[in-house]
C-alpha atoms as a PDB file:
ATOM      1  CA  MET A   1     -31.478 -40.609 -18.356  1.00  0.00           C
ATOM      2  CA  PRO A   2     -31.605 -43.479 -18.477  1.00  0.00           C
ATOM      3  CA  GLY A   3     -28.305 -44.053 -17.398  1.00  0.00           C
ATOM      4  CA  PRO A   4     -26.056 -44.970 -14.633  1.00  0.00           C
ATOM      5  CA  TYR A   5     -26.508 -41.961 -12.756  1.00  0.00           C
ATOM      6  CA  THR A   6     -27.888 -41.495  -9.067  1.00  0.00           C
ATOM      7  CA  PHE A   7     -28.806 -37.608  -9.017  1.00  0.00           C
ATOM      8  CA  ILE A   8     -29.704 -36.429  -5.368  1.00  0.00           C
ATOM      9  CA  LEU A   9     -32.131 -33.897  -4.856  1.00  0.00           C
ATOM     10  CA  PRO A  10     -34.112 -31.515  -2.574  1.00  0.00           C
ATOM     11  CA  ALA A  11     -36.820 -33.899  -1.309  1.00  0.00           C
ATOM     12  CA  SER A  12     -40.442 -31.757  -1.834  1.00  0.00           C
ATOM     13  CA  LYS A  13     -43.455 -32.729   0.355  1.00  0.00           C
ATOM     14  CA  MET A  14     -44.464 -34.923  -1.586  1.00  0.00           C
ATOM     15  CA  VAL A  15     -41.535 -37.402  -0.974  1.00  0.00           C
ATOM     16  CA  PRO A  16     -42.622 -39.725   2.309  1.00  0.00           C
ATOM     17  CA  LYS A  17     -40.273 -38.975   4.815  1.00  0.00           C
ATOM     18  CA  THR A  18     -39.172 -42.553   5.033  1.00  0.00           C
ATOM     19  CA  LEU A  19     -37.749 -41.993   1.534  1.00  0.00           C
ATOM     20  CA  GLN A  20     -35.656 -38.948   2.956  1.00  0.00           C
ATOM     21  CA  SER A  21     -32.772 -39.031   4.254  1.00  0.00           C
ATOM     22  CA  LYS A  22     -31.796 -36.477   7.344  1.00  0.00           C
ATOM     23  CA  LYS A  23     -30.889 -33.669   5.116  1.00  0.00           C
ATOM     24  CA  ASP A  24     -34.487 -34.156   3.593  1.00  0.00           C
ATOM     25  CA  THR A  25     -32.837 -35.240   0.006  1.00  0.00           C
ATOM     26  CA  VAL A  26     -33.414 -37.732  -2.146  1.00  0.00           C
ATOM     27  CA  GLY A  27     -31.472 -40.353  -4.616  1.00  0.00           C
ATOM     28  CA  LEU A  28     -33.269 -40.640  -7.959  1.00  0.00           C
ATOM     29  CA  ARG A  29     -32.521 -42.672 -10.911  1.00  0.00           C
ATOM     30  CA  ILE A  30     -33.915 -44.240 -13.975  1.00  0.00           C
ATOM     31  CA  PRO A  31     -32.210 -47.331 -14.687  1.00  0.00           C
ATOM     32  CA  ASP A  32     -31.263 -48.324 -18.286  1.00  0.00           C
ATOM     33  CA  ASN A  33     -33.160 -51.793 -17.742  1.00  0.00           C
ATOM     34  CA  LYS A  34     -36.472 -52.849 -19.457  1.00  0.00           C
ATOM     35  CA  ILE A  35     -37.699 -54.874 -16.919  1.00  0.00           C
ATOM     36  CA  VAL A  36     -37.399 -52.644 -14.509  1.00  0.00           C
ATOM     37  CA  MET A  37     -39.201 -50.098 -16.698  1.00  0.00           C
ATOM     38  CA  ALA A  38     -41.667 -52.499 -17.480  1.00  0.00           C
ATOM     39  CA  ILE A  39     -42.236 -53.187 -13.704  1.00  0.00           C
ATOM     40  CA  VAL A  40     -42.918 -49.621 -13.260  1.00  0.00           C
ATOM     41  CA  ASN A  41     -44.692 -48.514 -16.337  1.00  0.00           C
ATOM     42  CA  GLU A  42     -47.158 -51.532 -14.952  1.00  0.00           C
ATOM     43  CA  LEU A  43     -47.450 -50.106 -11.220  1.00  0.00           C
ATOM     44  CA  GLY A  44     -47.640 -46.366 -12.177  1.00  0.00           C
ATOM     45  CA  ARG A  45     -44.966 -45.446  -9.691  1.00  0.00           C
ATOM     46  CA  PRO A  46     -41.503 -45.551  -8.747  1.00  0.00           C
ATOM     47  CA  ILE A  47     -39.592 -48.221  -7.029  1.00  0.00           C
ATOM     48  CA  LEU A  48     -37.947 -47.903  -3.560  1.00  0.00           C
ATOM     49  CA  SER A  49     -34.504 -49.439  -3.559  1.00  0.00           C
ATOM     50  CA  ALA A  50     -30.875 -49.274  -2.046  1.00  0.00           C
ATOM     51  CA  SER A  51     -27.350 -49.785  -3.494  1.00  0.00           C
ATOM     52  CA  LEU A  52     -25.260 -52.460  -3.719  1.00  0.00           C
ATOM     53  CA  PRO A  53     -23.231 -53.055  -0.283  1.00  0.00           C
ATOM     54  CA  GLY A  54     -19.535 -53.100  -0.701  1.00  0.00           C
ATOM     55  CA  GLU A  55     -18.972 -57.005   0.191  1.00  0.00           C
ATOM     56  CA  HIS A  56     -20.871 -59.845  -1.387  1.00  0.00           C
ATOM     57  CA  VAL A  57     -21.966 -58.407  -4.679  1.00  0.00           C
ATOM     58  CA  GLU A  58     -22.808 -61.839  -6.136  1.00  0.00           C
ATOM     59  CA  ASP A  59     -25.485 -62.235  -3.608  1.00  0.00           C
ATOM     60  CA  TYR A  60     -27.279 -58.915  -4.883  1.00  0.00           C
ATOM     61  CA  THR A  61     -26.933 -59.465  -8.890  1.00  0.00           C
ATOM     62  CA  ASP A  62     -27.186 -62.905  -9.347  1.00  0.00           C
ATOM     63  CA  PRO A  63     -30.574 -63.983  -9.498  1.00  0.00           C
ATOM     64  CA  GLU A  64     -30.039 -67.771  -8.831  1.00  0.00           C
ATOM     65  CA  VAL A  65     -28.292 -66.481  -5.690  1.00  0.00           C
ATOM     66  CA  MET A  66     -30.922 -64.212  -4.453  1.00  0.00           C
ATOM     67  CA  PHE A  67     -33.364 -67.130  -4.803  1.00  0.00           C
ATOM     68  CA  GLU A  68     -31.643 -69.230  -2.419  1.00  0.00           C
ATOM     69  CA  ASN A  69     -30.674 -66.370  -0.286  1.00  0.00           C
ATOM     70  CA  PHE A  70     -34.081 -64.116   0.214  1.00  0.00           C
ATOM     71  CA  ARG A  71     -36.559 -67.270  -0.733  1.00  0.00           C
ATOM     72  CA  ASN A  72     -37.935 -66.933   2.848  1.00  0.00           C
ATOM     73  CA  GLU A  73     -38.118 -63.173   2.642  1.00  0.00           C
ATOM     74  CA  VAL A  74     -39.383 -62.307  -0.919  1.00  0.00           C
ATOM     75  CA  ASP A  75     -41.958 -63.121  -2.971  1.00  0.00           C
ATOM     76  CA  PHE A  76     -40.604 -63.419  -5.723  1.00  0.00           C
ATOM     77  CA  VAL A  77     -36.914 -62.874  -7.534  1.00  0.00           C
ATOM     78  CA  VAL A  78     -36.774 -61.630 -11.649  1.00  0.00           C
ATOM     79  CA  ASN A  79     -34.807 -63.455 -13.526  1.00  0.00           C
ATOM     80  CA  GLY A  80     -33.422 -60.885 -16.197  1.00  0.00           C
ATOM     81  CA  GLY A  81     -29.569 -62.815 -15.748  1.00  0.00           C
ATOM     82  CA  ILE A  82     -26.757 -61.000 -13.533  1.00  0.00           C
ATOM     83  CA  GLY A  83     -26.893 -58.055 -13.185  1.00  0.00           C
ATOM     84  CA  GLY A  84     -23.731 -55.341 -13.009  1.00  0.00           C
ATOM     85  CA  THR A  85     -21.512 -54.983 -10.090  1.00  0.00           C
ATOM     86  CA  VAL A  86     -20.461 -51.483 -10.770  1.00  0.00           C
ATOM     87  CA  PRO A  87     -22.201 -48.906  -9.153  1.00  0.00           C
ATOM     88  CA  SER A  88     -23.971 -45.560 -10.665  1.00  0.00           C
ATOM     89  CA  THR A  89     -22.052 -42.427 -10.252  1.00  0.00           C
ATOM     90  CA  VAL A  90     -24.032 -40.399  -7.832  1.00  0.00           C
ATOM     91  CA  VAL A  91     -23.687 -36.595  -8.262  1.00  0.00           C
ATOM     92  CA  ASP A  92     -25.537 -33.772  -5.327  1.00  0.00           C
ATOM     93  CA  LEU A  93     -27.484 -31.549  -7.705  1.00  0.00           C
ATOM     94  CA  THR A  94     -28.638 -29.653  -4.384  1.00  0.00           C
ATOM     95  CA  GLY A  95     -25.638 -26.792  -4.154  1.00  0.00           C
ATOM     96  CA  ASP A  96     -24.837 -24.251  -6.458  1.00  0.00           C
ATOM     97  CA  GLU A  97     -22.935 -26.837  -8.770  1.00  0.00           C
ATOM     98  CA  PRO A  98     -22.635 -30.395  -9.371  1.00  0.00           C
ATOM     99  CA  VAL A  99     -20.564 -32.290  -6.997  1.00  0.00           C
ATOM    100  CA  MET A 100     -19.729 -36.012  -7.790  1.00  0.00           C
ATOM    101  CA  VAL A 101     -20.019 -38.019  -4.561  1.00  0.00           C
ATOM    102  CA  ARG A 102     -19.497 -41.121  -5.699  1.00  0.00           C
ATOM    103  CA  GLU A 103     -17.743 -42.112  -9.089  1.00  0.00           C
ATOM    104  CA  GLY A 104     -19.474 -45.474 -10.744  1.00  0.00           C
ATOM    105  CA  LEU A 105     -20.495 -46.675 -14.310  1.00  0.00           C
ATOM    106  CA  GLY A 106     -21.400 -42.975 -15.657  1.00  0.00           C
ATOM    107  CA  LYS A 107     -18.792 -40.442 -17.252  1.00  0.00           C
ATOM    108  CA  TRP A 108     -17.786 -37.848 -14.996  1.00  0.00           C
ATOM    109  CA  GLU A 109     -16.436 -34.708 -16.913  1.00  0.00           C
ATOM    110  CA  ASP A 110     -16.053 -31.113 -15.075  1.00  0.00           C
END
C-alpha cells in the first residue's frame, strides 16, 4: 500500500455505522495518488468514496465532465487530469484465506 487494491476487513466499533455494510465490514484502500494523499494528510482523516459505476465511467474520471455534470451539487472539482478507468482489485480478508471479490488493476496471484 498504496496501490490498486481494496481490502475488505471487519469493521471495528470505531467505524461509523453509515460506513459499514450489512455484514459489518468495511472496504479500505490507500490510493497511489499524490493529490488524494495531500487532501487526506491535510484533513487528518480518511475520505469516504464509492467505487466507479459500471457505465459512463468518463462522467467520474474526467474532471471537466465531472464539473459540468455536478457543478450544482459540489463545491469544487480538483483537476488532477483524467483518472483511471480500471477499478481496484477487491480482496476479502474477513475469512481464513484471502478471497478475490473483483479482479481489477492489482495483480492477483494465488
